[in-house]
Amino acid sequence: MLEVIILRLSYTYLTPVISVAPSCYIIWQNIVDSCQLWQKDRKKP
C-alpha cells in the first residue's frame, strides 16, 4: 500500500520519469513474491 502512495505522490508532484523507480520496485517485488509462492507450493507433498 505504501508503494502505491509513493508512486502516486512522485507522479503528481515530480516529473513522470521519477515515478519509474517506484514502479520498477513494485514490479520487482511482485516477481519475487510470485517466485516465493511458487516454490512454497512446489514443495508441498
Foldseek 3Di string as FASTA:
>chain_A
DVLVVVLVVCVPPHPNVVSVVSVVVVVVVVVVVVVVVVVVVVPDD
